[in-house]
Structure formats: C-alpha cells, structure tokens
Amino acid sequence: MNEIETIETKNCKIHICGNAIVEPAEQEKIWISFSESAYKLCTNIK
C-alpha cells in the first residue's frame, strides 16, 4: 500500500493511497463514490 495520508474522525479512519493506475477522469469518479460512502460511514447515515 502506498499510503500518502490518513484522515481520522471520531469513529473511523480513512487511508488515502497514491498508487492509482487509472486515468484522471476515472479516478475522479472513484473518489466521488468513495467520498459519499466514507461520509455516510463517518456520520452514521443509513
């Protein structure tokens, strides 16, 4: 794993890795999807 950053909140820890092998446009789509999922986890939204 090529971890470049860790974000911690009250109830979760998110590791950001810099070893992406996709095109920038696909990486943006993945990041948006991940961000939505991470937000729900960290705020306990169902």
PDB file of N, CA and C in Angstrom:
ATOM      1  N   MET A   1       0.856  -1.177   0.000  1.00  0.00           N
ATOM      2  CA  MET A   1       0.000   0.000   0.000  1.00  0.00           C
ATOM      3  C   MET A   1       0.899   1.237   0.000  1.00  0.00           C
ATOM      4  N   ASN A   2       0.537   2.196  -0.783  1.00  0.00           N
ATOM      5  CA  ASN A   2       1.307   3.430  -0.898  1.00  0.00           C
ATOM      6  C   ASN A   2       0.529   4.556  -0.227  1.00  0.00           C
ATOM      7  N   GLU A   3       0.440   4.492   1.085  1.00  0.00           N
ATOM      8  CA  GLU A   3      -0.364   5.449   1.845  1.00  0.00           C
ATOM      9  C   GLU A   3       0.286   6.826   1.833  1.00  0.00           C
ATOM     10  N   ILE A   4      -0.524   7.836   1.495  1.00  0.00           N
ATOM     11  CA  ILE A   4       0.002   9.200   1.476  1.00  0.00           C
ATOM     12  C   ILE A   4      -0.668  10.099   2.517  1.00  0.00           C
ATOM     13  N   GLU A   5      -1.797   9.658   3.052  1.00  0.00           N
ATOM     14  CA  GLU A   5      -2.497  10.470   4.041  1.00  0.00           C
ATOM     15  C   GLU A   5      -3.475   9.598   4.807  1.00  0.00           C
ATOM     16  N   THR A   6      -3.694   9.917   6.068  1.00  0.00           N
ATOM     17  CA  THR A   6      -4.707   9.255   6.882  1.00  0.00           C
ATOM     18  C   THR A   6      -5.586  10.330   7.491  1.00  0.00           C
ATOM     19  N   ILE A   7      -6.894  10.139   7.366  1.00  0.00           N
ATOM     20  CA  ILE A   7      -7.868  11.068   7.930  1.00  0.00           C
ATOM     21  C   ILE A   7      -8.587  10.329   9.052  1.00  0.00           C
ATOM     22  N   GLU A   8      -8.648  10.925  10.237  1.00  0.00           N
ATOM     23  CA  GLU A   8      -9.324  10.297  11.361  1.00  0.00           C
ATOM     24  C   GLU A   8     -10.468  11.176  11.841  1.00  0.00           C
ATOM     25  N   THR A   9     -11.592  10.524  12.152  1.00  0.00           N
ATOM     26  CA  THR A   9     -12.717  11.216  12.768  1.00  0.00           C
ATOM     27  C   THR A   9     -13.023  10.478  14.061  1.00  0.00           C
ATOM     28  N   LYS A  10     -14.121  10.815  14.695  1.00  0.00           N
ATOM     29  CA  LYS A  10     -14.468  10.168  15.959  1.00  0.00           C
ATOM     30  C   LYS A  10     -14.574   8.657  15.829  1.00  0.00           C
ATOM     31  N   ASN A  11     -15.183   8.185  14.736  1.00  0.00           N
ATOM     32  CA  ASN A  11     -15.468   6.756  14.662  1.00  0.00           C
ATOM     33  C   ASN A  11     -14.945   6.060  13.409  1.00  0.00           C
ATOM     34  N   CYS A  12     -14.017   6.665  12.673  1.00  0.00           N
ATOM     35  CA  CYS A  12     -13.441   5.948  11.540  1.00  0.00           C
ATOM     36  C   CYS A  12     -12.093   6.536  11.143  1.00  0.00           C
ATOM     37  N   LYS A  13     -11.323   5.717  10.449  1.00  0.00           N
ATOM     38  CA  LYS A  13     -10.006   6.117   9.966  1.00  0.00           C
ATOM     39  C   LYS A  13      -9.969   5.803   8.476  1.00  0.00           C
ATOM     40  N   ILE A  14      -9.583   6.780   7.655  1.00  0.00           N
ATOM     41  CA  ILE A  14      -9.545   6.629   6.208  1.00  0.00           C
ATOM     42  C   ILE A  14      -8.107   6.776   5.747  1.00  0.00           C
ATOM     43  N   HIS A  15      -7.620   5.788   4.996  1.00  0.00           N
ATOM     44  CA  HIS A  15      -6.267   5.829   4.461  1.00  0.00           C
ATOM     45  C   HIS A  15      -6.339   6.203   2.982  1.00  0.00           C
ATOM     46  N   ILE A  16      -5.649   7.249   2.588  1.00  0.00           N
ATOM     47  CA  ILE A  16      -5.588   7.681   1.197  1.00  0.00           C
ATOM     48  C   ILE A  16      -4.283   7.142   0.618  1.00  0.00           C
ATOM     49  N   CYS A  17      -4.375   6.459  -0.516  1.00  0.00           N
ATOM     50  CA  CYS A  17      -3.196   5.841  -1.128  1.00  0.00           C
ATOM     51  C   CYS A  17      -2.904   6.484  -2.476  1.00  0.00           C
ATOM     52  N   GLY A  18      -1.649   6.567  -2.830  1.00  0.00           N
ATOM     53  CA  GLY A  18      -1.236   7.219  -4.062  1.00  0.00           C
ATOM     54  C   GLY A  18      -0.836   6.253  -5.151  1.00  0.00           C
ATOM     55  N   ASN A  19      -1.357   5.044  -5.149  1.00  0.00           N
ATOM     56  CA  ASN A  19      -0.951   4.068  -6.153  1.00  0.00           C
ATOM     57  C   ASN A  19      -2.055   3.794  -7.174  1.00  0.00           C
ATOM     58  N   ALA A  20      -2.769   4.840  -7.554  1.00  0.00           N
ATOM     59  CA  ALA A  20      -3.837   4.690  -8.540  1.00  0.00           C
ATOM     60  C   ALA A  20      -3.251   4.418  -9.919  1.00  0.00           C
ATOM     61  N   ILE A  21      -3.897   3.541 -10.673  1.00  0.00           N
ATOM     62  CA  ILE A  21      -3.417   3.208 -12.014  1.00  0.00           C
ATOM     63  C   ILE A  21      -4.496   3.440 -13.062  1.00  0.00           C
ATOM     64  N   VAL A  22      -5.391   4.361 -12.802  1.00  0.00           N
ATOM     65  CA  VAL A  22      -6.470   4.667 -13.737  1.00  0.00           C
ATOM     66  C   VAL A  22      -6.294   6.095 -14.267  1.00  0.00           C
ATOM     67  N   GLU A  23      -7.022   6.385 -15.309  1.00  0.00           N
ATOM     68  CA  GLU A  23      -6.993   7.731 -15.897  1.00  0.00           C
ATOM     69  C   GLU A  23      -7.594   8.747 -14.918  1.00  0.00           C
ATOM     70  N   PRO A  24      -7.182  10.009 -14.992  1.00  0.00           N
ATOM     71  CA  PRO A  24      -7.686  11.027 -14.059  1.00  0.00           C
ATOM     72  C   PRO A  24      -9.219  11.122 -14.000  1.00  0.00           C
ATOM     73  N   ALA A  25      -9.908  11.002 -15.129  1.00  0.00           N
ATOM     74  CA  ALA A  25     -11.380  11.100 -15.115  1.00  0.00           C
ATOM     75  C   ALA A  25     -11.993   9.940 -14.330  1.00  0.00           C
ATOM     76  N   GLU A  26     -11.460   8.742 -14.497  1.00  0.00           N
ATOM     77  CA  GLU A  26     -11.963   7.578 -13.759  1.00  0.00           C
ATOM     78  C   GLU A  26     -11.613   7.712 -12.276  1.00  0.00           C
ATOM     79  N   GLN A  27     -10.436   8.214 -11.992  1.00  0.00           N
ATOM     80  CA  GLN A  27     -10.028   8.426 -10.607  1.00  0.00           C
ATOM     81  C   GLN A  27     -10.977   9.403  -9.911  1.00  0.00           C
ATOM     82  N   GLU A  28     -11.408  10.428 -10.610  1.00  0.00           N
ATOM     83  CA  GLU A  28     -12.354  11.410 -10.044  1.00  0.00           C
ATOM     84  C   GLU A  28     -13.682  10.736  -9.713  1.00  0.00           C
ATOM     85  N   LYS A  29     -14.184   9.881 -10.618  1.00  0.00           N
ATOM     86  CA  LYS A  29     -15.445   9.165 -10.354  1.00  0.00           C
ATOM     87  C   LYS A  29     -15.315   8.271  -9.131  1.00  0.00           C
ATOM     88  N   ILE A  30     -14.190   7.576  -9.034  1.00  0.00           N
ATOM     89  CA  ILE A  30     -13.958   6.682  -7.888  1.00  0.00           C
ATOM     90  C   ILE A  30     -13.895   7.496  -6.605  1.00  0.00           C
ATOM     91  N   TRP A  31     -13.193   8.640  -6.642  1.00  0.00           N
ATOM     92  CA  TRP A  31     -13.067   9.476  -5.450  1.00  0.00           C
ATOM     93  C   TRP A  31     -14.427   9.993  -4.988  1.00  0.00           C
ATOM     94  N   ILE A  32     -15.280  10.410  -5.912  1.00  0.00           N
ATOM     95  CA  ILE A  32     -16.615  10.900  -5.547  1.00  0.00           C
ATOM     96  C   ILE A  32     -17.425   9.793  -4.895  1.00  0.00           C
ATOM     97  N   SER A  33     -17.405   8.606  -5.485  1.00  0.00           N
ATOM     98  CA  SER A  33     -18.132   7.468  -4.926  1.00  0.00           C
ATOM     99  C   SER A  33     -17.601   7.119  -3.534  1.00  0.00           C
ATOM    100  N   PHE A  34     -16.280   7.080  -3.404  1.00  0.00           N
ATOM    101  CA  PHE A  34     -15.666   6.777  -2.110  1.00  0.00           C
ATOM    102  C   PHE A  34     -16.033   7.834  -1.076  1.00  0.00           C
ATOM    103  N   SER A  35     -15.971   9.100  -1.466  1.00  0.00           N
ATOM    104  CA  SER A  35     -16.269  10.186  -0.541  1.00  0.00           C
ATOM    105  C   SER A  35     -17.687  10.088  -0.007  1.00  0.00           C
ATOM    106  N   GLU A  36     -18.637   9.756  -0.880  1.00  0.00           N
ATOM    107  CA  GLU A  36     -20.023   9.603  -0.448  1.00  0.00           C
ATOM    108  C   GLU A  36     -20.153   8.459   0.551  1.00  0.00           C
ATOM    109  N   SER A  37     -19.502   7.336   0.279  1.00  0.00           N
ATOM    110  CA  SER A  37     -19.552   6.186   1.182  1.00  0.00           C
ATOM    111  C   SER A  37     -18.877   6.504   2.504  1.00  0.00           C
ATOM    112  N   ALA A  38     -17.708   7.150   2.441  1.00  0.00           N
ATOM    113  CA  ALA A  38     -16.976   7.485   3.664  1.00  0.00           C
ATOM    114  C   ALA A  38     -17.774   8.466   4.525  1.00  0.00           C
ATOM    115  N   TYR A  39     -18.423   9.427   3.898  1.00  0.00           N
ATOM    116  CA  TYR A  39     -19.228  10.397   4.649  1.00  0.00           C
ATOM    117  C   TYR A  39     -20.354   9.685   5.399  1.00  0.00           C
ATOM    118  N   LYS A  40     -21.019   8.760   4.712  1.00  0.00           N
ATOM    119  CA  LYS A  40     -22.106   8.016   5.360  1.00  0.00           C
ATOM    120  C   LYS A  40     -21.584   7.202   6.530  1.00  0.00           C
ATOM    121  N   LEU A  41     -20.424   6.561   6.367  1.00  0.00           N
ATOM    122  CA  LEU A  41     -19.849   5.781   7.459  1.00  0.00           C
ATOM    123  C   LEU A  41     -19.489   6.662   8.650  1.00  0.00           C
ATOM    124  N   CYS A  42     -18.868   7.781   8.368  1.00  0.00           N
ATOM    125  CA  CYS A  42     -18.375   8.647   9.444  1.00  0.00           C
ATOM    126  C   CYS A  42     -19.481   9.413  10.144  1.00  0.00           C
ATOM    127  N   THR A  43     -20.622   9.551   9.522  1.00  0.00           N
ATOM    128  CA  THR A  43     -21.721  10.291  10.142  1.00  0.00           C
ATOM    129  C   THR A  43     -22.879   9.373  10.512  1.00  0.00           C
ATOM    130  N   ASN A  44     -22.698   8.069  10.299  1.00  0.00           N
ATOM    131  CA  ASN A  44     -23.720   7.056  10.609  1.00  0.00           C
ATOM    132  C   ASN A  44     -25.023   7.269   9.879  1.00  0.00           C
ATOM    133  N   ILE A  45     -24.960   7.768   8.658  1.00  0.00           N
ATOM    134  CA  ILE A  45     -26.155   7.952   7.831  1.00  0.00           C
ATOM    135  C   ILE A  45     -26.452   6.618   7.136  1.00  0.00           C
ATOM    136  N   LYS A  46     -27.679   6.209   7.170  1.00  0.00           N
ATOM    137  CA  LYS A  46     -28.089   4.955   6.517  1.00  0.00           C
ATOM    138  C   LYS A  46     -28.498   5.216   5.092  1.00  0.00           C
TER     139      LYS A  46
END
